[in-house]
C-alpha atoms as a PDB file:
ATOM      1  CA  MET A   1     145.196 171.978 121.272  1.00  0.00           C
ATOM      2  CA  ILE A   2     146.076 174.797 123.663  1.00  0.00           C
ATOM      3  CA  ARG A   3     142.759 174.578 125.644  1.00  0.00           C
ATOM      4  CA  VAL A   4     143.382 170.957 125.971  1.00  0.00           C
ATOM      5  CA  LEU A   5     147.038 171.347 127.252  1.00  0.00           C
ATOM      6  CA  ALA A   6     145.879 174.140 129.739  1.00  0.00           C
ATOM      7  CA  ASN A   7     143.258 172.072 131.163  1.00  0.00           C
ATOM      8  CA  THR A   8     145.495 168.671 131.317  1.00  0.00           C
ATOM      9  CA  ASN A   9     148.703 167.908 132.981  1.00  0.00           C
ATOM     10  CA  ILE A  10     150.039 167.272 129.500  1.00  0.00           C
ATOM     11  CA  SER A  11     152.650 169.706 128.074  1.00  0.00           C
ATOM     12  CA  ALA A  12     153.572 170.621 124.689  1.00  0.00           C
ATOM     13  CA  TYR A  13     157.208 169.733 125.704  1.00  0.00           C
ATOM     14  CA  THR A  14     156.053 166.084 125.934  1.00  0.00           C
ATOM     15  CA  TYR A  15     154.559 166.150 122.486  1.00  0.00           C
ATOM     16  CA  HIS A  16     157.366 167.956 120.774  1.00  0.00           C
ATOM     17  CA  LYS A  17     160.040 166.162 122.680  1.00  0.00           C
ATOM     18  CA  LEU A  18     158.506 162.835 121.080  1.00  0.00           C
ATOM     19  CA  SER A  19     158.607 164.132 117.746  1.00  0.00           C
ATOM     20  CA  LEU A  20     161.977 164.999 118.102  1.00  0.00           C
ATOM     21  CA  ILE A  21     163.364 161.854 119.068  1.00  0.00           C
ATOM     22  CA  ASN A  22     162.012 160.426 116.037  1.00  0.00           C
ATOM     23  CA  GLU A  23     163.473 163.261 113.726  1.00  0.00           C
ATOM     24  CA  ASN A  24     164.989 160.770 111.412  1.00  0.00           C
ATOM     25  CA  ARG A  25     162.010 158.566 111.223  1.00  0.00           C
ATOM     26  CA  THR A  26     163.852 155.243 112.913  1.00  0.00           C
ATOM     27  CA  LEU A  27     161.375 154.631 115.615  1.00  0.00           C
ATOM     28  CA  TRP A  28     158.356 155.194 113.584  1.00  0.00           C
ATOM     29  CA  LYS A  29     156.979 156.269 110.063  1.00  0.00           C
ATOM     30  CA  LEU A  30     153.649 157.868 110.823  1.00  0.00           C
ATOM     31  CA  GLY A  31     154.918 161.268 111.099  1.00  0.00           C
ATOM     32  CA  THR A  32     153.442 163.278 114.326  1.00  0.00           C
ATOM     33  CA  LEU A  33     150.442 160.717 114.724  1.00  0.00           C
ATOM     34  CA  PRO A  34     152.343 158.099 117.415  1.00  0.00           C
ATOM     35  CA  PRO A  35     153.806 161.100 119.667  1.00  0.00           C
ATOM     36  CA  GLY A  36     150.074 162.563 119.500  1.00  0.00           C
ATOM     37  CA  LEU A  37     148.566 159.391 120.583  1.00  0.00           C
ATOM     38  CA  ILE A  38     151.029 158.606 123.371  1.00  0.00           C
ATOM     39  CA  THR A  39     150.677 162.434 124.555  1.00  0.00           C
ATOM     40  CA  PHE A  40     147.006 162.360 124.537  1.00  0.00           C
ATOM     41  CA  TYR A  41     146.395 159.052 125.533  1.00  0.00           C
ATOM     42  CA  SER A  42     143.116 158.470 127.302  1.00  0.00           C
ATOM     43  CA  THR A  43     142.283 161.996 126.980  1.00  0.00           C
ATOM     44  CA  THR A  44     140.586 161.750 123.404  1.00  0.00           C
ATOM     45  CA  LYS A  45     137.383 160.673 122.329  1.00  0.00           C
ATOM     46  CA  PRO A  46     136.569 158.890 119.006  1.00  0.00           C
ATOM     47  CA  LEU A  47     134.838 160.668 116.245  1.00  0.00           C
ATOM     48  CA  GLU A  48     131.994 159.138 114.327  1.00  0.00           C
ATOM     49  CA  LYS A  49     133.392 157.674 111.067  1.00  0.00           C
ATOM     50  CA  SER A  50     131.470 160.078 108.853  1.00  0.00           C
ATOM     51  CA  TRP A  51     133.379 163.027 110.349  1.00  0.00           C
ATOM     52  CA  HIS A  52     136.650 162.097 108.859  1.00  0.00           C
ATOM     53  CA  VAL A  53     136.937 160.291 105.609  1.00  0.00           C
ATOM     54  CA  LEU A  54     140.454 158.921 105.042  1.00  0.00           C
ATOM     55  CA  GLY A  55     141.901 156.383 102.377  1.00  0.00           C
ATOM     56  CA  LEU A  56     141.693 158.835  99.520  1.00  0.00           C
ATOM     57  CA  GLY A  57     145.153 157.964  98.733  1.00  0.00           C
ATOM     58  CA  TYR A  58     144.945 154.214  98.720  1.00  0.00           C
ATOM     59  CA  ASN A  59     141.103 153.175  98.863  1.00  0.00           C
ATOM     60  CA  PRO A  60     139.367 153.279  95.504  1.00  0.00           C
ATOM     61  CA  SER A  61     135.932 152.049  96.851  1.00  0.00           C
ATOM     62  CA  ILE A  62     135.438 155.452  98.977  1.00  0.00           C
ATOM     63  CA  SER A  63     131.906 156.758  97.732  1.00  0.00           C
ATOM     64  CA  MET A  64     131.395 160.503  96.651  1.00  0.00           C
ATOM     65  CA  GLU A  65     128.636 160.369  99.086  1.00  0.00           C
ATOM     66  CA  GLU A  66     130.709 159.482 102.072  1.00  0.00           C
ATOM     67  CA  ILE A  67     133.056 162.418 100.779  1.00  0.00           C
ATOM     68  CA  ARG A  68     130.208 164.874 100.432  1.00  0.00           C
ATOM     69  CA  ASP A  69     129.126 164.139 103.910  1.00  0.00           C
ATOM     70  CA  ALA A  70     132.589 164.377 105.623  1.00  0.00           C
ATOM     71  CA  ALA A  71     134.126 167.299 107.471  1.00  0.00           C
ATOM     72  CA  VAL A  72     137.262 166.467 106.531  1.00  0.00           C
ATOM     73  CA  VAL A  73     139.019 164.328 103.559  1.00  0.00           C
ATOM     74  CA  HIS A  74     142.170 162.814 104.209  1.00  0.00           C
ATOM     75  CA  PHE A  75     144.621 162.140 101.274  1.00  0.00           C
ATOM     76  CA  ASN A  76     146.460 159.535 103.153  1.00  0.00           C
ATOM     77  CA  GLY A  77     148.248 156.780 101.408  1.00  0.00           C
ATOM     78  CA  ASN A  78     150.652 156.413  98.529  1.00  0.00           C
ATOM     79  CA  MET A  79     148.397 157.726  95.703  1.00  0.00           C
ATOM     80  CA  LYS A  80     147.740 161.294  96.708  1.00  0.00           C
ATOM     81  CA  PRO A  81     146.173 163.359  93.900  1.00  0.00           C
ATOM     82  CA  TRP A  82     149.074 165.639  93.070  1.00  0.00           C
ATOM     83  CA  LEU A  83     151.296 162.569  92.313  1.00  0.00           C
ATOM     84  CA  ASP A  84     151.172 161.018  88.870  1.00  0.00           C
ATOM     85  CA  ILE A  85     150.037 157.734  90.534  1.00  0.00           C
ATOM     86  CA  GLY A  86     147.170 159.399  92.143  1.00  0.00           C
ATOM     87  CA  MET A  87     143.638 158.097  91.748  1.00  0.00           C
ATOM     88  CA  ASN A  88     141.844 159.895  89.089  1.00  0.00           C
ATOM     89  CA  GLN A  89     138.360 159.816  90.497  1.00  0.00           C
ATOM     90  CA  PHE A  90     139.742 161.730  93.650  1.00  0.00           C
ATOM     91  CA  ARG A  91     141.994 164.402  91.910  1.00  0.00           C
ATOM     92  CA  PRO A  92     139.167 166.782  91.378  1.00  0.00           C
ATOM     93  CA  LEU A  93     138.573 167.229  95.221  1.00  0.00           C
ATOM     94  CA  TRP A  94     142.080 168.240  95.689  1.00  0.00           C
ATOM     95  CA  THR A  95     142.895 170.156  92.253  1.00  0.00           C
ATOM     96  CA  LYS A  96     140.027 172.583  92.459  1.00  0.00           C
ATOM     97  CA  TYR A  97     141.726 174.162  95.385  1.00  0.00           C
ATOM     98  CA  VAL A  98     145.028 174.455  93.809  1.00  0.00           C
ATOM     99  CA  ASP A  99     146.052 177.867  92.590  1.00  0.00           C
ATOM    100  CA  TYR A 100     148.159 177.174  89.591  1.00  0.00           C
ATOM    101  CA  ASP A 101     149.348 180.730  89.425  1.00  0.00           C
ATOM    102  CA  MET A 102     151.363 180.559  92.643  1.00  0.00           C
ATOM    103  CA  GLU A 103     154.961 180.555  92.079  1.00  0.00           C
ATOM    104  CA  PHE A 104     155.514 177.451  94.655  1.00  0.00           C
ATOM    105  CA  VAL A 105     152.895 175.327  92.800  1.00  0.00           C
ATOM    106  CA  GLN A 106     154.287 176.030  89.523  1.00  0.00           C
ATOM    107  CA  ALA A 107     157.722 175.286  91.075  1.00  0.00           C
ATOM    108  CA  CYS A 108     156.519 171.922  92.308  1.00  0.00           C
ATOM    109  CA  ASN A 109     155.441 170.874  88.762  1.00  0.00           C
ATOM    110  CA  PHE A 110     151.882 169.686  89.694  1.00  0.00           C
ATOM    111  CA  GLY A 111     150.427 168.564  86.569  1.00  0.00           C
ATOM    112  CA  GLN A 112     147.337 170.858  85.266  1.00  0.00           C
END
């Protein structure tokens, strides 16, 4: 991101200012994605769908083959794997990376 900012007229100030304007989430509810899209409008290129698999928190029809072939998997949606309502078929993708011995993880009360 720093290289992108250095090679364009886009400033980190613009991105962070937009994020701060929505601190209470009344303008948009999607976190930092909208200010990122506004700040970097027309400077990005679309990625091939297989590169980034999203929907693992709401779409039960995603195949394990799609997930295996992806560089990034995204647990967006309401049924995240660390929640009781998480989709069981995707839970192992997340739990295999959790260190249940960490104090913070224990404080979060994630089920094992």
